[in-house]
Amino acid sequence: MLKRVMVVDDSRIAQLQLQEMLAGTDYQVVACCQNGEEALEQYEKVKPDLVTMDIVMPGIDGLDAARLILKNYPDARVLMISSLAYDDTIDEAKRIGAKGFVYKPFDQKQVLDGIQKAFA
């Protein structure tokens, strides 16, 4: 059975890249969100198995959105995807409960490895 993925990224290009990379795999993109507010609204509706979360977005950023999702849904799986690959950012993502970190620009192998680790 396909695992349901919600992509949260303000870049439409990144959303499309992730959809293309996951097509034909064990993962299906069930929703795309442009920002943290949208992610919080959509999470309850689509109940994804995994959320890929960008960090820098307008409004509620990815770290705060992940923090709120994980607070409300402790079993949620969040995989951070960002070009902000600083130690303090990665540490903060781990601290709030993110299951991993994929660096932009990413390729299919990096994304699939990150997702598989999030489910391990």
N, C-alpha and C. Protein backbone atom coordinates (compact mmCIF):
# COMPACT_ATOMS: atom_id res chain seq x y z
N MET A 1 0.84 -1.19 0.00
CA MET A 1 0.00 0.00 0.00
C MET A 1 0.89 1.26 0.00
N LEU A 2 0.48 2.24 -0.77
CA LEU A 2 1.27 3.47 -0.87
C LEU A 2 1.21 4.27 0.42
N LYS A 3 2.35 4.83 0.81
CA LYS A 3 2.42 5.75 1.95
C LYS A 3 2.05 7.13 1.44
N ARG A 4 1.27 7.85 2.24
CA ARG A 4 0.76 9.18 1.86
C ARG A 4 1.70 10.28 2.34
N VAL A 5 2.12 11.13 1.40
CA VAL A 5 3.08 12.20 1.70
C VAL A 5 2.44 13.56 1.44
N MET A 6 2.63 14.48 2.38
CA MET A 6 2.22 15.87 2.20
C MET A 6 3.48 16.70 2.05
N VAL A 7 3.58 17.43 0.96
CA VAL A 7 4.75 18.27 0.66
C VAL A 7 4.44 19.71 1.07
N VAL A 8 5.31 20.27 1.90
CA VAL A 8 5.14 21.66 2.33
C VAL A 8 6.37 22.44 1.89
N ASP A 9 6.19 23.32 0.90
CA ASP A 9 7.29 24.12 0.37
C ASP A 9 6.69 25.29 -0.38
N ASP A 10 7.21 26.49 -0.16
CA ASP A 10 6.67 27.65 -0.87
C ASP A 10 7.13 27.70 -2.32
N SER A 11 8.07 26.85 -2.69
CA SER A 11 8.54 26.78 -4.07
C SER A 11 7.71 25.75 -4.85
N ARG A 12 6.99 26.23 -5.85
CA ARG A 12 6.21 25.33 -6.69
C ARG A 12 7.13 24.34 -7.41
N ILE A 13 8.34 24.80 -7.77
CA ILE A 13 9.30 23.93 -8.44
C ILE A 13 9.69 22.77 -7.54
N ALA A 14 9.98 23.06 -6.26
CA ALA A 14 10.33 21.99 -5.32
C ALA A 14 9.17 21.02 -5.15
N GLN A 15 7.94 21.54 -5.10
CA GLN A 15 6.77 20.67 -4.99
C GLN A 15 6.69 19.72 -6.19
N LEU A 16 6.87 20.27 -7.38
CA LEU A 16 6.81 19.45 -8.60
C LEU A 16 7.95 18.44 -8.65
N GLN A 17 9.15 18.85 -8.23
CA GLN A 17 10.29 17.93 -8.22
C GLN A 17 9.99 16.74 -7.30
N LEU A 18 9.46 17.02 -6.12
CA LEU A 18 9.16 15.94 -5.18
C LEU A 18 8.07 15.03 -5.73
N GLN A 19 7.05 15.60 -6.35
CA GLN A 19 6.00 14.78 -6.95
C GLN A 19 6.58 13.86 -8.02
N GLU A 20 7.44 14.41 -8.88
CA GLU A 20 8.06 13.61 -9.94
C GLU A 20 8.96 12.52 -9.36
N MET A 21 9.74 12.86 -8.34
CA MET A 21 10.67 11.90 -7.74
C MET A 21 9.93 10.76 -7.04
N LEU A 22 8.75 11.03 -6.51
CA LEU A 22 8.01 10.01 -5.78
C LEU A 22 7.06 9.22 -6.67
N ALA A 23 6.82 9.71 -7.88
CA ALA A 23 5.95 8.98 -8.81
C ALA A 23 6.55 7.60 -9.10
N GLY A 24 5.73 6.57 -9.03
CA GLY A 24 6.20 5.22 -9.31
C GLY A 24 6.95 4.57 -8.16
N THR A 25 6.97 5.21 -6.98
CA THR A 25 7.61 4.62 -5.80
C THR A 25 6.52 4.14 -4.84
N ASP A 26 6.92 3.81 -3.63
CA ASP A 26 5.96 3.38 -2.61
C ASP A 26 5.28 4.56 -1.92
N TYR A 27 5.53 5.78 -2.44
CA TYR A 27 5.02 6.99 -1.80
C TYR A 27 4.17 7.79 -2.78
N GLN A 28 3.08 8.33 -2.27
CA GLN A 28 2.17 9.11 -3.11
C GLN A 28 1.97 10.48 -2.49
N VAL A 29 2.18 11.55 -3.27
CA VAL A 29 1.93 12.90 -2.77
C VAL A 29 0.43 13.13 -2.78
N VAL A 30 -0.13 13.35 -1.58
CA VAL A 30 -1.58 13.53 -1.45
C VAL A 30 -1.97 14.99 -1.25
N ALA A 31 -0.99 15.85 -0.94
CA ALA A 31 -1.27 17.28 -0.78
C ALA A 31 0.03 18.06 -0.90
N CYS A 32 -0.10 19.29 -1.43
CA CYS A 32 1.02 20.23 -1.47
C CYS A 32 0.57 21.52 -0.80
N CYS A 33 1.41 22.05 0.07
CA CYS A 33 1.09 23.27 0.78
C CYS A 33 2.19 24.30 0.54
N GLN A 34 1.79 25.57 0.50
CA GLN A 34 2.73 26.65 0.22
C GLN A 34 3.39 27.23 1.48
N ASN A 35 2.79 26.96 2.65
CA ASN A 35 3.30 27.57 3.89
C ASN A 35 2.84 26.78 5.11
N GLY A 36 3.32 27.20 6.27
CA GLY A 36 3.01 26.51 7.50
C GLY A 36 1.54 26.52 7.86
N GLU A 37 0.88 27.65 7.63
CA GLU A 37 -0.55 27.75 7.95
C GLU A 37 -1.35 26.71 7.16
N GLU A 38 -1.05 26.63 5.88
CA GLU A 38 -1.74 25.68 5.01
C GLU A 38 -1.45 24.24 5.46
N ALA A 39 -0.21 23.99 5.87
CA ALA A 39 0.17 22.65 6.34
C ALA A 39 -0.64 22.25 7.57
N LEU A 40 -0.81 23.19 8.49
CA LEU A 40 -1.57 22.89 9.71
C LEU A 40 -3.03 22.59 9.37
N GLU A 41 -3.60 23.35 8.42
CA GLU A 41 -4.98 23.11 8.00
C GLU A 41 -5.12 21.75 7.30
N GLN A 42 -4.21 21.47 6.39
CA GLN A 42 -4.31 20.27 5.56
C GLN A 42 -3.99 18.98 6.32
N TYR A 43 -3.13 19.07 7.33
CA TYR A 43 -2.71 17.85 8.01
C TYR A 43 -3.91 17.06 8.53
N GLU A 44 -4.82 17.74 9.18
CA GLU A 44 -6.00 17.07 9.75
C GLU A 44 -6.86 16.45 8.64
N LYS A 45 -6.95 17.13 7.51
CA LYS A 45 -7.80 16.64 6.41
C LYS A 45 -7.23 15.41 5.72
N VAL A 46 -5.91 15.45 5.43
CA VAL A 46 -5.34 14.37 4.62
C VAL A 46 -4.66 13.28 5.45
N LYS A 47 -4.34 13.57 6.70
CA LYS A 47 -3.69 12.59 7.59
C LYS A 47 -2.57 11.83 6.87
N PRO A 48 -1.54 12.55 6.44
CA PRO A 48 -0.45 11.89 5.71
C PRO A 48 0.39 10.99 6.62
N ASP A 49 1.07 10.04 6.01
CA ASP A 49 2.00 9.19 6.74
C ASP A 49 3.32 9.92 6.99
N LEU A 50 3.60 10.93 6.13
CA LEU A 50 4.84 11.70 6.23
C LEU A 50 4.63 13.09 5.68
N VAL A 51 5.30 14.07 6.30
CA VAL A 51 5.30 15.44 5.80
C VAL A 51 6.74 15.81 5.45
N THR A 52 6.96 16.29 4.22
CA THR A 52 8.25 16.90 3.90
C THR A 52 8.06 18.39 4.13
N MET A 53 8.96 18.99 4.89
CA MET A 53 8.75 20.37 5.35
C MET A 53 9.95 21.24 5.03
N ASP A 54 9.72 22.26 4.20
CA ASP A 54 10.74 23.28 3.96
C ASP A 54 10.84 24.12 5.23
N ILE A 55 11.92 24.85 5.41
CA ILE A 55 12.05 25.68 6.61
C ILE A 55 11.69 27.13 6.34
N VAL A 56 12.31 27.73 5.32
CA VAL A 56 12.07 29.15 5.07
C VAL A 56 10.84 29.31 4.19
N MET A 57 9.75 29.80 4.81
CA MET A 57 8.49 30.05 4.10
C MET A 57 7.86 31.28 4.72
N PRO A 58 7.00 31.96 3.96
CA PRO A 58 6.31 33.13 4.53
C PRO A 58 5.33 32.68 5.63
N GLY A 59 5.06 33.57 6.57
CA GLY A 59 4.14 33.24 7.65
C GLY A 59 4.80 32.30 8.63
N ILE A 60 4.10 31.24 9.00
CA ILE A 60 4.66 30.24 9.92
C ILE A 60 5.75 29.47 9.18
N ASP A 61 6.97 29.52 9.69
CA ASP A 61 8.06 28.81 9.00
C ASP A 61 7.97 27.31 9.27
N GLY A 62 8.83 26.56 8.61
CA GLY A 62 8.77 25.10 8.68
C GLY A 62 9.06 24.53 10.06
N LEU A 63 9.99 25.15 10.79
CA LEU A 63 10.28 24.64 12.14
C LEU A 63 9.08 24.81 13.06
N ASP A 64 8.45 25.98 13.00
CA ASP A 64 7.26 26.22 13.85
C ASP A 64 6.10 25.34 13.42
N ALA A 65 5.91 25.18 12.12
CA ALA A 65 4.82 24.33 11.63
C ALA A 65 5.05 22.88 12.06
N ALA A 66 6.29 22.41 11.94
CA ALA A 66 6.61 21.05 12.36
C ALA A 66 6.37 20.89 13.86
N ARG A 67 6.79 21.89 14.62
CA ARG A 67 6.61 21.86 16.08
C ARG A 67 5.12 21.73 16.42
N LEU A 68 4.27 22.50 15.75
CA LEU A 68 2.83 22.47 16.03
C LEU A 68 2.19 21.15 15.59
N ILE A 69 2.59 20.66 14.43
CA ILE A 69 2.05 19.37 13.96
C ILE A 69 2.43 18.27 14.94
N LEU A 70 3.69 18.24 15.35
CA LEU A 70 4.16 17.19 16.26
C LEU A 70 3.55 17.32 17.66
N LYS A 71 3.24 18.54 18.06
CA LYS A 71 2.59 18.75 19.35
C LYS A 71 1.18 18.16 19.32
N ASN A 72 0.45 18.43 18.22
CA ASN A 72 -0.93 17.96 18.09
C ASN A 72 -1.04 16.50 17.66
N TYR A 73 -0.03 16.02 16.95
CA TYR A 73 -0.03 14.64 16.44
C TYR A 73 1.34 14.02 16.74
N PRO A 74 1.55 13.54 17.96
CA PRO A 74 2.88 13.05 18.36
C PRO A 74 3.42 11.92 17.47
N ASP A 75 2.55 11.19 16.78
CA ASP A 75 3.00 10.10 15.91
C ASP A 75 3.34 10.57 14.50
N ALA A 76 3.19 11.87 14.23
CA ALA A 76 3.47 12.39 12.89
C ALA A 76 4.95 12.19 12.55
N ARG A 77 5.20 12.01 11.26
CA ARG A 77 6.58 11.92 10.77
C ARG A 77 6.84 13.15 9.91
N VAL A 78 7.87 13.91 10.28
CA VAL A 78 8.23 15.11 9.54
C VAL A 78 9.68 14.99 9.09
N LEU A 79 9.89 15.18 7.79
CA LEU A 79 11.23 15.18 7.21
C LEU A 79 11.50 16.61 6.72
N MET A 80 12.50 17.24 7.31
CA MET A 80 12.84 18.61 6.92
C MET A 80 13.63 18.58 5.61
N ILE A 81 13.28 19.50 4.71
CA ILE A 81 14.01 19.63 3.44
C ILE A 81 14.32 21.11 3.28
N SER A 82 15.61 21.45 3.29
CA SER A 82 15.96 22.87 3.27
C SER A 82 17.38 23.10 2.78
N SER A 83 17.61 24.32 2.34
CA SER A 83 18.97 24.74 2.00
C SER A 83 19.65 25.33 3.24
N LEU A 84 18.92 25.50 4.32
CA LEU A 84 19.48 26.01 5.58
C LEU A 84 20.14 24.87 6.34
N ALA A 85 21.27 24.44 5.87
CA ALA A 85 21.93 23.26 6.44
C ALA A 85 22.95 23.66 7.52
N TYR A 86 22.50 24.50 8.45
CA TYR A 86 23.37 24.91 9.55
C TYR A 86 23.16 23.98 10.73
N ASP A 87 24.23 23.76 11.50
CA ASP A 87 24.15 22.84 12.64
C ASP A 87 23.02 23.20 13.59
N ASP A 88 22.86 24.51 13.90
CA ASP A 88 21.82 24.88 14.86
C ASP A 88 20.42 24.62 14.30
N THR A 89 20.25 24.78 13.00
CA THR A 89 18.95 24.49 12.37
C THR A 89 18.66 22.99 12.41
N ILE A 90 19.66 22.19 12.10
CA ILE A 90 19.50 20.73 12.13
C ILE A 90 19.24 20.26 13.55
N ASP A 91 19.97 20.83 14.51
CA ASP A 91 19.76 20.47 15.92
C ASP A 91 18.35 20.83 16.37
N GLU A 92 17.88 22.00 15.98
CA GLU A 92 16.52 22.42 16.34
C GLU A 92 15.49 21.49 15.72
N ALA A 93 15.68 21.09 14.47
CA ALA A 93 14.76 20.16 13.80
C ALA A 93 14.70 18.83 14.56
N LYS A 94 15.86 18.33 14.97
CA LYS A 94 15.90 17.08 15.74
C LYS A 94 15.21 17.25 17.09
N ARG A 95 15.46 18.39 17.73
CA ARG A 95 14.91 18.65 19.05
C ARG A 95 13.38 18.64 19.04
N ILE A 96 12.80 19.18 17.97
CA ILE A 96 11.32 19.22 17.93
C ILE A 96 10.72 17.90 17.46
N GLY A 97 11.57 16.97 16.99
CA GLY A 97 11.07 15.65 16.64
C GLY A 97 11.08 15.29 15.17
N ALA A 98 11.73 16.10 14.35
CA ALA A 98 11.83 15.77 12.91
C ALA A 98 12.60 14.46 12.77
N LYS A 99 12.21 13.66 11.79
CA LYS A 99 12.81 12.34 11.59
C LYS A 99 14.05 12.37 10.71
N GLY A 100 14.37 13.53 10.17
CA GLY A 100 15.55 13.61 9.33
C GLY A 100 15.64 14.95 8.63
N PHE A 101 16.68 15.11 7.82
CA PHE A 101 16.97 16.37 7.16
C PHE A 101 17.55 16.06 5.78
N VAL A 102 16.96 16.63 4.74
CA VAL A 102 17.47 16.49 3.38
C VAL A 102 17.86 17.89 2.91
N TYR A 103 19.06 17.99 2.32
CA TYR A 103 19.58 19.28 1.90
C TYR A 103 19.17 19.60 0.47
N LYS A 104 18.78 20.87 0.25
CA LYS A 104 18.54 21.36 -1.11
C LYS A 104 19.87 21.86 -1.65
N PRO A 105 20.12 21.72 -2.93
CA PRO A 105 19.29 20.97 -3.89
C PRO A 105 19.40 19.47 -3.64
N PHE A 106 18.30 18.76 -3.86
CA PHE A 106 18.25 17.33 -3.56
C PHE A 106 18.08 16.52 -4.84
N ASP A 107 18.38 15.23 -4.74
CA ASP A 107 18.09 14.33 -5.85
C ASP A 107 17.20 13.20 -5.33
N GLN A 108 16.75 12.35 -6.23
CA GLN A 108 15.79 11.32 -5.86
C GLN A 108 16.35 10.37 -4.78
N LYS A 109 17.61 10.00 -4.90
CA LYS A 109 18.21 9.07 -3.93
C LYS A 109 18.20 9.70 -2.53
N GLN A 110 18.59 10.96 -2.42
CA GLN A 110 18.61 11.63 -1.12
C GLN A 110 17.20 11.67 -0.51
N VAL A 111 16.22 12.00 -1.33
CA VAL A 111 14.84 12.10 -0.85
C VAL A 111 14.34 10.73 -0.39
N LEU A 112 14.54 9.72 -1.23
CA LEU A 112 14.05 8.38 -0.86
C LEU A 112 14.78 7.83 0.37
N ASP A 113 16.08 8.08 0.47
CA ASP A 113 16.84 7.66 1.67
C ASP A 113 16.29 8.34 2.91
N GLY A 114 16.03 9.64 2.81
CA GLY A 114 15.50 10.40 3.94
C GLY A 114 14.13 9.89 4.36
N ILE A 115 13.28 9.60 3.38
CA ILE A 115 11.94 9.09 3.67
C ILE A 115 12.03 7.70 4.31
N GLN A 116 12.88 6.84 3.76
CA GLN A 116 13.01 5.49 4.33
C GLN A 116 13.50 5.54 5.77
N LYS A 117 14.43 6.44 6.06
CA LYS A 117 14.93 6.58 7.43
C LYS A 117 13.82 7.10 8.35
N ALA A 118 12.97 7.98 7.83
CA ALA A 118 11.87 8.51 8.65
C ALA A 118 10.90 7.41 9.06
N PHE A 119 10.78 6.39 8.23
CA PHE A 119 9.86 5.27 8.55
C PHE A 119 10.55 4.15 9.32
N ALA A 120 11.88 4.22 9.45
CA ALA A 120 12.63 3.13 10.12
C ALA A 120 12.36 3.12 11.62
